[in-house]
C-alpha cells in the first residue's frame, strides 16, 4: 500500500475542504455572527492537517485499485470529521457523535438531522449543511479529479470507487474532462433551480440552500417541518421537478446538450425510472383521496413524496407518517430502489433493479425452456455474466447489511417500524423514516450506538459497499492468486 501517495492525496482533499469552508466563514463575517470564530478555527486546523499530510506524502504516479479504495474511504471519513467541527464548536449539537452524524449525513446526501431546532441556527451553519450536500452529491473525489487532472488512470479508479451505479461511463474522452462536464451541468441545474425558487416566493438564501439539497438529493431544509414549513404549493412543484431531474443519469444531460435526443429517450433505465414514478404516484393518489387533502393537494403530495423518496432526497411536503399503512409501506419499499445509476441519488439504483428483474425472468423462462439461450440486455447493451454476478452479489450484500442493522437497532429497544425505516433511510441516503424518525422528527433522541450504526450505514450506502469493504478486507485476501503446477499460491 502506497501510504505516502495516499497521504498526499488526503492532504490535497483537505485543502479543497478548507477552501469550501471559506464560503460559510465569509457569510458568518457578513452576518457578524459569533460562529465566524468557529469556522476560522476549523479552517486553520484543516489547513494545518493538510500541510502535515502533504509533508508526509508524495505525489502519486499511479494508484492500484486497493489504494484507490483506501483513499476514497479514508477521504470520506476524514472530510466528514473536519466538517463536523463547525457544528460542535458552534454548539449546534451537544456531542461530537452528533456532529459527525450531521456531517456524514450532509456529505452522503442522506439529510437525516440531529439538530433539534433548525430554524434557530445561524445562516452560516445552515449554509454549511447545504454546501456539504452539494459537494457530496456529485462527489468530492469527482470534483478533486476535475481540478487535479494529472492523476490519469488513477483518477479513473478514484471516480469508479466513488461514483454510484454499476455501469459507469465517461461523457467525454478523459476522466478529468468528464468530471468537469458533469460538475458544470450540476452547477447549471442548481443555478436554474435557485432562480426559479426565488421567483415563486423563496428568499434567496432559502432558494440557494434548497437548490443545493435538491440537486444533491440531500434533503436538509431550513425549516423544522422541511418543505411543508413554507406552505408554498408552487415551490413544491418546482422542487419535485428538480428532484426528478437529479435522479436521472447526468450523462444523459450531456447527450441532450449535444442534440442526441433519441439517445436520451431510448435509455431503458430512464424509461423504467419514469414508469415507476408514475405507477407509484397513482397508487398513492388512490389511498390519499379519502383523506382531507382534496384531489389537487392529494396529487401534489403524492408526486412530491414519490419523487422525494425514489430520488432519495428526503424532503417532506406533509407528514407522510400519518398516511394509511399501504402508503407508508409503499414509501418504505421505494427507499430501497433509488434513482438512476450515474445520478446523485442513493439506494440500490434503477439499473440494478432492472438487471436483476430481467435476470430472474430469464431464469424462469429457462426453467420451462432449458434449451433457450437468452442474454440479459439493457437497451442495446448485453450484460455480461460477470456483471450480473456482481450486481446480484451487491443486492444480496445490501439486504444482508440492512437486516443486520435492523437486528442491532431492535436490540437497542426500538420498535420494528422505526428500526426498519431508519436503517433503510440511512443506507439508502434518504433521511426521514417512519415512527420515531418520521419526517416531522429528528434523530437527536436516538442512543449514541444507534447514531454510530446509522452513520456507518450512510457511508456504506454512499460508497456502495464494495469500496468500503475492499478497504476493510485483510491484505492477504486482496492478493492476486497465481496458479503454478496445479497449485494455488498467493503473492503480494
Protein backbone atom coordinates (compact mmCIF):
# COMPACT_ATOMS: atom_id res chain seq x y z
CA UNK A 1 0.00 0.00 0.00
CA UNK A 2 1.49 3.34 -1.08
CA UNK A 3 0.64 5.28 2.06
CA UNK A 4 2.81 8.26 1.11
CA UNK A 5 0.78 8.72 -2.07
CA UNK A 6 -2.46 8.33 -0.12
CA UNK A 7 -1.28 10.89 2.46
CA UNK A 8 -0.54 13.38 -0.31
CA UNK A 9 -3.98 12.94 -1.85
CA UNK A 10 -5.69 13.22 1.54
CA UNK A 11 -3.82 16.44 2.23
CA UNK A 12 -4.91 17.83 -1.14
CA UNK A 13 -8.56 16.97 -0.47
CA UNK A 14 -8.42 18.67 2.94
CA UNK A 15 -7.06 21.81 1.29
CA UNK A 16 -10.10 21.88 -1.01
CA UNK A 17 -12.33 21.33 2.03
CA UNK A 18 -10.72 24.29 3.80
CA UNK A 19 -11.35 26.41 0.71
CA UNK A 20 -15.03 25.34 0.74
CA UNK A 21 -15.29 26.34 4.41
CA UNK A 22 -14.37 29.89 3.48
CA UNK A 23 -17.87 30.30 1.99
CA UNK A 24 -19.79 29.92 5.31
CA UNK A 25 -16.95 31.78 7.06
CA UNK A 26 -17.42 34.81 4.80
CA UNK A 27 -21.19 34.55 5.28
CA UNK A 28 -20.71 34.50 9.07
CA UNK A 29 -18.43 37.52 8.85
CA UNK A 30 -21.03 39.35 6.78
CA UNK A 31 -23.67 38.45 9.40
CA UNK A 32 -21.22 39.38 12.19
CA UNK A 33 -22.16 36.12 13.87
CA UNK A 34 -20.18 34.52 16.70
CA UNK A 35 -19.71 31.37 14.63
CA UNK A 36 -17.19 33.18 12.40
CA UNK A 37 -14.58 32.36 15.07
CA UNK A 38 -15.63 28.70 15.00
CA UNK A 39 -15.26 28.49 11.23
CA UNK A 40 -11.93 30.34 11.41
CA UNK A 41 -10.53 27.80 13.88
CA UNK A 42 -11.72 24.87 11.78
CA UNK A 43 -10.24 26.35 8.59
CA UNK A 44 -6.86 26.84 10.28
CA UNK A 45 -6.95 23.33 11.80
CA UNK A 46 -7.90 21.80 8.44
CA UNK A 47 -5.10 23.63 6.61
CA UNK A 48 -2.52 22.59 9.23
CA UNK A 49 -3.58 18.95 8.99
CA UNK A 50 -3.48 19.14 5.20
CA UNK A 51 0.04 20.61 5.35
CA UNK A 52 1.23 17.77 7.62
CA UNK A 53 -0.25 15.14 5.29
CA UNK A 54 1.33 16.78 2.25
CA UNK A 55 4.71 16.85 4.02
CA UNK A 56 4.33 13.17 4.91
CA UNK A 57 3.36 12.22 1.36
CA UNK A 58 4.49 12.36 -2.22
CA UNK A 59 2.60 12.98 -5.50
CA UNK A 60 1.26 9.67 -6.81
CA UNK A 61 2.48 8.30 -10.12
CA UNK A 62 -0.31 5.75 -10.25
CA UNK A 63 -2.60 4.06 -7.75
CA UNK A 64 -3.66 0.43 -7.67
CA UNK A 65 -7.30 -0.47 -7.18
CA UNK A 66 -6.95 -1.28 -3.47
CA UNK A 67 -5.14 2.01 -2.91
CA UNK A 68 -7.93 3.88 -4.67
CA UNK A 69 -10.49 2.19 -2.41
CA UNK A 70 -8.40 3.06 0.66
CA UNK A 71 -8.02 6.70 -0.34
CA UNK A 72 -11.71 7.21 -1.15
CA UNK A 73 -12.90 5.56 2.09
CA UNK A 74 -10.42 7.43 4.31
CA UNK A 75 -11.10 10.70 2.47
CA UNK A 76 -14.83 10.48 3.20
CA UNK A 77 -14.18 9.62 6.86
CA UNK A 78 -11.65 12.44 7.23
CA UNK A 79 -13.68 15.05 5.37
CA UNK A 80 -16.73 14.26 7.50
CA UNK A 81 -14.62 14.57 10.67
CA UNK A 82 -13.37 18.08 9.87
CA UNK A 83 -16.77 19.10 8.52
CA UNK A 84 -18.33 18.09 11.84
CA UNK A 85 -16.24 20.55 13.85
CA UNK A 86 -18.26 23.71 12.99
CA UNK A 87 -21.44 22.07 14.34
CA UNK A 88 -19.70 21.10 17.57
CA UNK A 89 -17.80 24.36 18.12
CA UNK A 90 -20.89 26.48 17.36
CA UNK A 91 -22.99 24.49 19.84
CA UNK A 92 -25.47 23.31 17.20
CA UNK A 93 -25.19 19.77 18.61
CA UNK A 94 -24.24 18.61 22.12
CA UNK A 95 -21.74 15.83 21.31
CA UNK A 96 -19.08 15.01 18.73
CA UNK A 97 -21.03 11.88 17.78
CA UNK A 98 -23.97 14.09 16.85
CA UNK A 99 -21.68 16.44 14.92
CA UNK A 100 -20.14 13.55 12.98
CA UNK A 101 -23.61 12.15 12.26
CA UNK A 102 -24.72 15.53 10.88
CA UNK A 103 -21.59 15.91 8.74
CA UNK A 104 -21.75 12.38 7.34
CA UNK A 105 -25.46 12.86 6.68
CA UNK A 106 -24.61 16.00 4.74
CA UNK A 107 -21.80 14.65 2.58
CA UNK A 108 -23.54 11.34 1.86
CA UNK A 109 -26.66 13.37 0.92
CA UNK A 110 -28.75 11.49 3.47
CA UNK A 111 -30.41 14.50 5.06
CA UNK A 112 -31.09 12.91 8.45
CA UNK A 113 -30.53 15.55 11.12
CA UNK A 114 -29.82 15.56 14.85
CA UNK A 115 -30.24 19.34 15.18
CA UNK A 116 -33.29 19.81 17.41
CA UNK A 117 -34.39 23.19 16.01
CA UNK A 118 -33.05 24.02 12.57
CA UNK A 119 -34.82 27.39 12.46
CA UNK A 120 -32.81 28.66 15.46
CA UNK A 121 -29.46 28.00 13.76
CA UNK A 122 -27.41 30.85 12.25
CA UNK A 123 -27.47 31.10 8.48
CA UNK A 124 -23.77 30.25 8.18
CA UNK A 125 -24.38 26.84 9.79
CA UNK A 126 -27.40 26.21 7.56
CA UNK A 127 -25.36 27.23 4.52
CA UNK A 128 -22.58 24.83 5.54
CA UNK A 129 -25.11 21.99 5.92
CA UNK A 130 -26.46 22.66 2.43
CA UNK A 131 -22.96 23.03 0.98
CA UNK A 132 -21.90 19.64 2.35
CA UNK A 133 -24.87 18.20 0.46
CA UNK A 134 -23.88 19.90 -2.75
CA UNK A 135 -20.21 18.89 -2.55
CA UNK A 136 -21.05 15.31 -1.63
CA UNK A 137 -23.81 14.97 -4.21
CA UNK A 138 -21.70 14.83 -7.34
CA UNK A 139 -18.80 13.56 -5.25
CA UNK A 140 -15.88 15.21 -3.51
CA UNK A 141 -13.48 12.87 -5.32
CA UNK A 142 -15.06 13.61 -8.71
CA UNK A 143 -14.52 17.31 -8.01
CA UNK A 144 -10.97 16.57 -6.90
CA UNK A 145 -10.22 14.70 -10.13
CA UNK A 146 -11.76 17.53 -12.17
CA UNK A 147 -9.31 20.07 -10.72
CA UNK A 148 -6.38 17.65 -10.39
CA UNK A 149 -6.23 16.03 -13.85
CA UNK A 150 -2.65 14.75 -13.53
CA UNK A 151 -3.93 11.59 -11.84
CA UNK A 152 -4.69 9.99 -15.23
CA UNK A 153 -5.55 6.29 -14.88
CA UNK A 154 -5.59 6.60 -11.09
CA UNK A 155 -8.23 9.30 -11.43
CA UNK A 156 -10.47 6.88 -13.30
CA UNK A 157 -10.12 4.36 -10.46
CA UNK A 158 -10.93 7.03 -7.86
CA UNK A 159 -14.06 8.11 -9.72
CA UNK A 160 -15.13 4.47 -10.16
CA UNK A 161 -14.66 3.88 -6.42
CA UNK A 162 -16.92 6.81 -5.55
CA UNK A 163 -19.47 7.09 -8.39
CA UNK A 164 -22.79 5.34 -7.69
CA UNK A 165 -24.14 2.73 -10.10
CA UNK A 166 -22.76 -0.46 -11.68
CA UNK A 167 -22.45 0.91 -15.24
CA UNK A 168 -20.01 3.81 -15.17
CA UNK A 169 -19.46 5.83 -18.33
CA UNK A 170 -17.45 8.85 -19.35
CA UNK A 171 -19.18 11.57 -21.33
CA UNK A 172 -16.00 12.94 -22.93
CA UNK A 173 -12.54 11.50 -23.64
CA UNK A 174 -10.54 11.65 -20.42
CA UNK A 175 -11.87 11.19 -16.91
CA UNK A 176 -10.92 14.74 -15.85
CA UNK A 177 -12.84 16.27 -18.76
CA UNK A 178 -15.86 14.11 -17.95
CA UNK A 179 -15.72 15.20 -14.31
CA UNK A 180 -15.61 18.86 -15.36
CA UNK A 181 -18.58 18.47 -17.72
CA UNK A 182 -20.67 16.73 -15.06
CA UNK A 183 -19.89 19.43 -12.49
CA UNK A 184 -20.79 22.17 -14.99
CA UNK A 185 -24.17 20.52 -15.68
CA UNK A 186 -24.69 20.06 -11.94
CA UNK A 187 -23.90 23.73 -11.27
CA UNK A 188 -26.14 24.95 -14.10
CA UNK A 189 -29.14 22.96 -12.83
CA UNK A 190 -28.51 24.23 -9.29
CA UNK A 191 -28.42 27.83 -10.51
CA UNK A 192 -31.62 27.35 -12.52
CA UNK A 193 -33.50 25.95 -9.53
CA UNK A 194 -32.26 28.76 -7.28
CA UNK A 195 -33.59 31.38 -9.69
CA UNK A 196 -36.98 29.67 -10.09
CA UNK A 197 -37.47 29.09 -6.34
CA UNK A 198 -36.63 32.72 -5.70
CA UNK A 199 -39.22 33.70 -8.32
CA UNK A 200 -42.00 31.66 -6.66
CA UNK A 201 -41.55 33.19 -3.21
CA UNK A 202 -38.46 31.75 -1.52
CA UNK A 203 -35.85 34.15 -0.18
CA UNK A 204 -32.50 33.96 -1.97
CA UNK A 205 -30.96 32.11 0.98
CA UNK A 206 -33.77 29.55 1.18
CA UNK A 207 -33.75 29.13 -2.60
CA UNK A 208 -29.99 28.55 -2.67
CA UNK A 209 -29.87 26.08 0.22
CA UNK A 210 -32.83 24.09 -1.10
CA UNK A 211 -31.34 24.02 -4.59
CA UNK A 212 -28.10 22.67 -3.10
CA UNK A 213 -30.07 20.00 -1.24
CA UNK A 214 -32.34 19.13 -4.18
CA UNK A 215 -29.71 18.65 -6.88
CA UNK A 216 -27.61 16.62 -4.46
CA UNK A 217 -30.74 14.61 -3.49
CA UNK A 218 -29.87 15.53 0.10
CA UNK A 219 -32.90 16.84 1.95
CA UNK A 220 -31.55 19.31 4.52
CA UNK A 221 -34.04 22.15 4.87
CA UNK A 222 -34.02 25.49 6.67
CA UNK A 223 -37.38 24.65 8.29
CA UNK A 224 -38.11 22.18 11.08
CA UNK A 225 -41.05 20.84 9.05
CA UNK A 226 -38.97 20.59 5.86
CA UNK A 227 -40.60 21.97 2.70
CA UNK A 228 -44.02 21.68 4.38
CA UNK A 229 -42.96 24.55 6.64
CA UNK A 230 -43.11 27.01 3.72
CA UNK A 231 -46.75 26.20 2.77
CA UNK A 232 -45.89 27.07 -0.84
CA UNK A 233 -47.50 24.70 -3.40
CA UNK A 234 -45.70 26.34 -6.34
CA UNK A 235 -42.33 25.75 -4.68
CA UNK A 236 -43.30 22.13 -4.01
CA UNK A 237 -43.92 21.57 -7.74
CA UNK A 238 -40.58 23.20 -8.59
CA UNK A 239 -38.69 21.09 -6.05
CA UNK A 240 -40.46 17.90 -7.17
CA UNK A 241 -39.48 18.58 -10.79
CA UNK A 242 -35.83 19.19 -9.94
CA UNK A 243 -35.75 16.15 -7.64
CA UNK A 244 -36.78 14.01 -10.60
CA UNK A 245 -34.08 15.66 -12.71
CA UNK A 246 -31.48 14.93 -10.01
CA UNK A 247 -32.44 11.25 -10.06
CA UNK A 248 -31.51 10.91 -13.76
CA UNK A 249 -28.10 9.75 -15.03
CA UNK A 250 -26.20 13.02 -15.54
CA UNK A 251 -24.51 11.67 -18.66
CA UNK A 252 -27.91 11.89 -20.39
CA UNK A 253 -27.93 15.66 -19.92
CA UNK A 254 -24.67 15.85 -21.83
CA UNK A 255 -26.20 13.87 -24.69
CA UNK A 256 -29.18 16.22 -24.57
CA UNK A 257 -26.86 19.22 -24.92
CA UNK A 258 -25.29 17.56 -27.96
CA UNK A 259 -28.76 17.26 -29.52
CA UNK A 260 -28.85 13.46 -29.21
CA UNK A 261 -32.45 13.45 -28.00
CA UNK A 262 -33.25 9.97 -29.33
CA UNK A 263 -30.26 8.57 -27.43
CA UNK A 264 -31.69 10.02 -24.22
CA UNK A 265 -35.24 8.72 -24.60
CA UNK A 266 -34.04 5.32 -25.82
CA UNK A 267 -32.33 4.85 -22.46
CA UNK A 268 -34.12 1.89 -20.89
CA UNK A 269 -33.17 2.80 -17.33
CA UNK A 270 -34.68 6.28 -17.76
CA UNK A 271 -37.93 4.83 -19.10
CA UNK A 272 -38.09 2.34 -16.23
CA UNK A 273 -37.45 5.17 -13.75
CA UNK A 274 -40.26 7.34 -15.13
CA UNK A 275 -42.72 4.43 -15.28
CA UNK A 276 -42.00 3.56 -11.64
CA UNK A 277 -42.62 7.17 -10.58
CA UNK A 278 -45.94 7.27 -12.47
CA UNK A 279 -47.19 3.93 -11.11
CA UNK A 280 -46.17 4.71 -7.51
CA UNK A 281 -47.77 8.16 -7.73
CA UNK A 282 -51.08 6.76 -8.99
CA UNK A 283 -51.13 4.15 -6.22
CA UNK A 284 -50.51 6.83 -3.60
CA UNK A 285 -53.23 9.09 -5.02
CA UNK A 286 -55.78 6.29 -4.71
CA UNK A 287 -55.04 5.93 -0.99
CA UNK A 288 -54.76 9.67 -0.31
CA UNK A 289 -58.06 10.69 -1.91
CA UNK A 290 -60.17 9.52 1.09
CA UNK A 291 -58.12 11.82 3.35
CA UNK A 292 -58.82 15.51 3.91
CA UNK A 293 -56.35 16.82 1.32
CA UNK A 294 -58.68 17.27 -1.64
CA UNK A 295 -57.89 15.94 -5.16
CA UNK A 296 -55.33 18.60 -6.13
CA UNK A 297 -53.42 18.52 -2.85
CA UNK A 298 -53.51 14.71 -2.77
CA UNK A 299 -51.99 14.55 -6.26
CA UNK A 300 -49.36 17.18 -5.38
CA UNK A 301 -48.29 15.40 -2.18
CA UNK A 302 -48.21 12.04 -3.98
CA UNK A 303 -45.97 13.39 -6.75
CA UNK A 304 -43.75 15.20 -4.25
CA UNK A 305 -43.25 12.30 -1.85
CA UNK A 306 -42.71 9.68 -4.56
CA UNK A 307 -40.14 11.97 -6.20
CA UNK A 308 -38.54 12.66 -2.83
CA UNK A 309 -38.23 9.02 -1.77
CA UNK A 310 -37.36 7.46 -5.16
CA UNK A 311 -34.60 10.01 -5.71
CA UNK A 312 -33.59 9.59 -2.03
CA UNK A 313 -33.83 13.34 -1.44
CA UNK A 314 -35.94 13.10 1.71
CA UNK A 315 -37.86 16.37 1.61
CA UNK A 316 -41.37 16.28 3.08
CA UNK A 317 -44.35 18.31 1.85
CA UNK A 318 -46.54 16.83 4.59
CA UNK A 319 -46.30 14.40 7.50
CA UNK A 320 -46.49 11.18 5.46
CA UNK A 321 -46.05 9.14 8.64
CA UNK A 322 -49.78 9.79 9.26
CA UNK A 323 -50.78 8.26 5.93
CA UNK A 324 -52.56 4.89 5.61
CA UNK A 325 -50.46 1.77 6.18
CA UNK A 326 -50.31 0.89 2.46
CA UNK A 327 -48.94 4.34 1.59
CA UNK A 328 -46.32 4.14 4.34
CA UNK A 329 -45.29 0.64 3.24
CA UNK A 330 -45.03 1.78 -0.38
CA UNK A 331 -42.72 4.64 0.61
CA UNK A 332 -40.64 2.23 2.71
CA UNK A 333 -40.21 -0.11 -0.28
CA UNK A 334 -39.31 2.81 -2.55
CA UNK A 335 -36.47 3.65 -0.15
CA UNK A 336 -34.64 0.58 -1.42
CA UNK A 337 -34.96 1.43 -5.12
CA UNK A 338 -33.21 4.78 -5.51
CA UNK A 339 -32.55 6.80 -8.65
CA UNK A 340 -30.66 6.03 -11.84
CA UNK A 341 -27.03 4.97 -11.94
CA UNK A 342 -24.77 7.96 -12.52
CA UNK A 343 -27.15 10.30 -10.68
CA UNK A 344 -26.69 11.88 -7.27
CA UNK A 345 -29.35 9.57 -5.78
CA UNK A 346 -28.72 6.70 -3.39
CA UNK A 347 -30.42 3.33 -2.95
CA UNK A 348 -29.91 0.17 -4.98
CA UNK A 349 -30.33 2.13 -8.25
CA UNK A 350 -32.86 1.60 -11.03
CA UNK A 351 -30.31 -0.12 -13.27
CA UNK A 352 -29.66 -2.85 -10.70
CA UNK A 353 -33.37 -3.44 -10.14
CA UNK A 354 -33.82 -3.63 -13.92
CA UNK A 355 -30.94 -6.09 -14.42
CA UNK A 356 -31.98 -8.32 -11.52
CA UNK A 357 -35.59 -8.33 -12.76
CA UNK A 358 -34.53 -9.34 -16.28
CA UNK A 359 -32.16 -11.94 -14.90
CA UNK A 360 -34.93 -13.53 -12.78
CA UNK A 361 -37.33 -13.55 -15.75
CA UNK A 362 -34.68 -15.23 -17.88
CA UNK A 363 -34.11 -17.91 -15.24
CA UNK A 364 -37.86 -18.54 -15.00
CA UNK A 365 -38.02 -18.98 -18.79
CA UNK A 366 -35.04 -21.33 -18.69
CA UNK A 367 -36.84 -23.49 -16.13
CA UNK A 368 -39.56 -24.06 -18.74
CA UNK A 369 -37.30 -23.98 -21.84
CA UNK A 370 -33.83 -25.07 -20.72
CA UNK A 371 -32.55 -25.14 -24.32
CA UNK A 372 -33.25 -21.44 -24.83
CA UNK A 373 -30.26 -19.07 -24.69
CA UNK A 374 -31.34 -15.51 -23.97
CA UNK A 375 -28.82 -12.85 -22.96
CA UNK A 376 -29.76 -10.20 -20.42
CA UNK A 377 -29.96 -6.87 -22.24
CA UNK A 378 -30.43 -3.31 -21.07
CA UNK A 379 -31.20 -1.34 -24.18
CA UNK A 380 -28.69 -2.48 -26.79
CA UNK A 381 -26.09 -3.49 -24.23
CA UNK A 382 -25.66 -7.17 -23.36
CA UNK A 383 -24.94 -7.55 -19.65
CA UNK A 384 -22.07 -9.97 -19.07
CA UNK A 385 -22.35 -12.85 -16.63
CA UNK A 386 -19.57 -11.29 -14.55
CA UNK A 387 -21.50 -8.04 -14.17
CA UNK A 388 -24.75 -9.90 -13.40
CA UNK A 389 -22.96 -11.84 -10.65
CA UNK A 390 -21.57 -8.59 -9.25
CA UNK A 391 -24.99 -6.92 -9.28
CA UNK A 392 -26.70 -9.91 -7.63
CA UNK A 393 -23.93 -10.04 -5.02
CA UNK A 394 -24.36 -6.32 -4.37
CA UNK A 395 -28.13 -6.66 -3.87
CA UNK A 396 -27.66 -9.62 -1.52
CA UNK A 397 -25.00 -7.77 0.49
CA UNK A 398 -27.19 -4.67 0.60
CA UNK A 399 -30.11 -6.63 2.06
CA UNK A 400 -27.85 -8.57 4.44
CA UNK A 401 -26.39 -5.33 5.84
CA UNK A 402 -29.91 -3.92 6.18
CA UNK A 403 -31.07 -6.98 8.15
CA UNK A 404 -28.02 -6.81 10.45
CA UNK A 405 -28.68 -3.12 11.10
CA UNK A 406 -32.36 -3.76 11.88
CA UNK A 407 -31.42 -6.55 14.30
CA UNK A 408 -28.97 -4.24 16.06
CA UNK A 409 -31.44 -1.34 16.30
CA UNK A 410 -34.22 -3.56 17.64
CA UNK A 411 -31.76 -4.96 20.21
CA UNK A 412 -31.44 -1.38 21.50
CA UNK A 413 -35.18 -1.32 22.16
CA UNK A 414 -36.54 0.45 19.06
CA UNK A 415 -39.78 -0.78 17.51
CA UNK A 416 -39.64 -2.62 14.18
CA UNK A 417 -41.08 0.25 12.13
CA UNK A 418 -38.53 2.71 13.50
CA UNK A 419 -35.65 0.26 13.09
CA UNK A 420 -36.55 -0.80 9.53
CA UNK A 421 -37.23 2.70 8.26
CA UNK A 422 -34.15 4.20 9.96
CA UNK A 423 -31.87 1.51 8.54
CA UNK A 424 -33.40 1.72 5.05
CA UNK A 425 -33.28 5.51 5.14
CA UNK A 426 -29.64 5.71 6.27
CA UNK A 427 -28.38 3.00 3.93
CA UNK A 428 -30.33 4.44 1.00
CA UNK A 429 -29.21 8.01 1.87
CA UNK A 430 -32.80 9.25 2.17
CA UNK A 431 -33.13 10.98 5.54
CA UNK A 432 -36.55 10.72 7.19
CA UNK A 433 -38.06 7.39 8.07
CA UNK A 434 -41.24 6.40 9.90
CA UNK A 435 -42.48 6.35 13.50
CA UNK A 436 -39.81 7.80 15.86
CA UNK A 437 -37.69 9.01 12.91
CA UNK A 438 -40.59 10.30 10.81
CA UNK A 439 -40.45 13.43 8.64
CA UNK A 440 -41.51 15.75 11.48
CA UNK A 441 -38.97 14.27 13.93
CA UNK A 442 -35.18 14.31 14.19
CA UNK A 443 -32.63 11.61 15.01
CA UNK A 444 -31.47 13.54 18.10
CA UNK A 445 -33.22 11.29 20.69
CA UNK A 446 -31.55 8.11 19.38
CA UNK A 447 -28.91 6.39 21.50
CA UNK A 448 -25.23 7.01 20.63
CA UNK A 449 -24.86 3.39 19.48
CA UNK A 450 -27.77 3.79 17.07
CA UNK A 451 -26.27 7.00 15.67
CA UNK A 452 -22.90 5.32 15.10
CA UNK A 453 -24.62 2.42 13.34
CA UNK A 454 -26.62 4.74 11.08
CA UNK A 455 -23.54 6.88 10.35
CA UNK A 456 -21.71 3.79 9.12
CA UNK A 457 -24.74 2.80 7.04
CA UNK A 458 -24.72 6.23 5.38
CA UNK A 459 -21.09 5.79 4.31
CA UNK A 460 -21.62 2.22 3.11
CA UNK A 461 -24.69 3.30 1.16
CA UNK A 462 -22.97 6.29 -0.46
CA UNK A 463 -19.79 4.43 -1.47
CA UNK A 464 -21.85 1.37 -2.44
CA UNK A 465 -20.47 -1.37 -0.15
CA UNK A 466 -17.62 -2.74 -2.28
CA UNK A 467 -15.40 0.33 -1.87
CA UNK A 468 -15.65 0.29 1.94
CA UNK A 469 -15.46 -3.49 2.28
CA UNK A 470 -12.49 -3.77 -0.10
CA UNK A 471 -10.62 -1.33 2.12
CA UNK A 472 -11.56 -3.21 5.31
CA UNK A 473 -10.56 -6.63 3.95
CA UNK A 474 -7.24 -8.00 5.27
CA UNK A 475 -4.31 -7.51 2.90
CA UNK A 476 -3.93 -11.28 2.46
CA UNK A 477 -7.42 -11.55 0.96
CA UNK A 478 -6.55 -8.93 -1.67
CA UNK A 479 -3.55 -10.82 -3.03
CA UNK A 480 -3.80 -12.00 -6.59
CA UNK A 481 -3.94 -15.80 -6.92
CA UNK A 482 -1.29 -17.39 -9.13
CA UNK A 483 -1.71 -20.93 -10.44
CA UNK A 484 1.53 -22.89 -10.77
CA UNK A 485 1.94 -26.63 -11.34
CA UNK A 486 -1.60 -27.33 -10.30
CA UNK A 487 -1.26 -25.46 -7.02
CA UNK A 488 -2.63 -22.11 -5.97
CA UNK A 489 -0.20 -19.59 -4.45
CA UNK A 490 -0.71 -16.07 -3.22
CA UNK A 491 1.84 -13.36 -3.76
CA UNK A 492 1.84 -9.66 -2.94
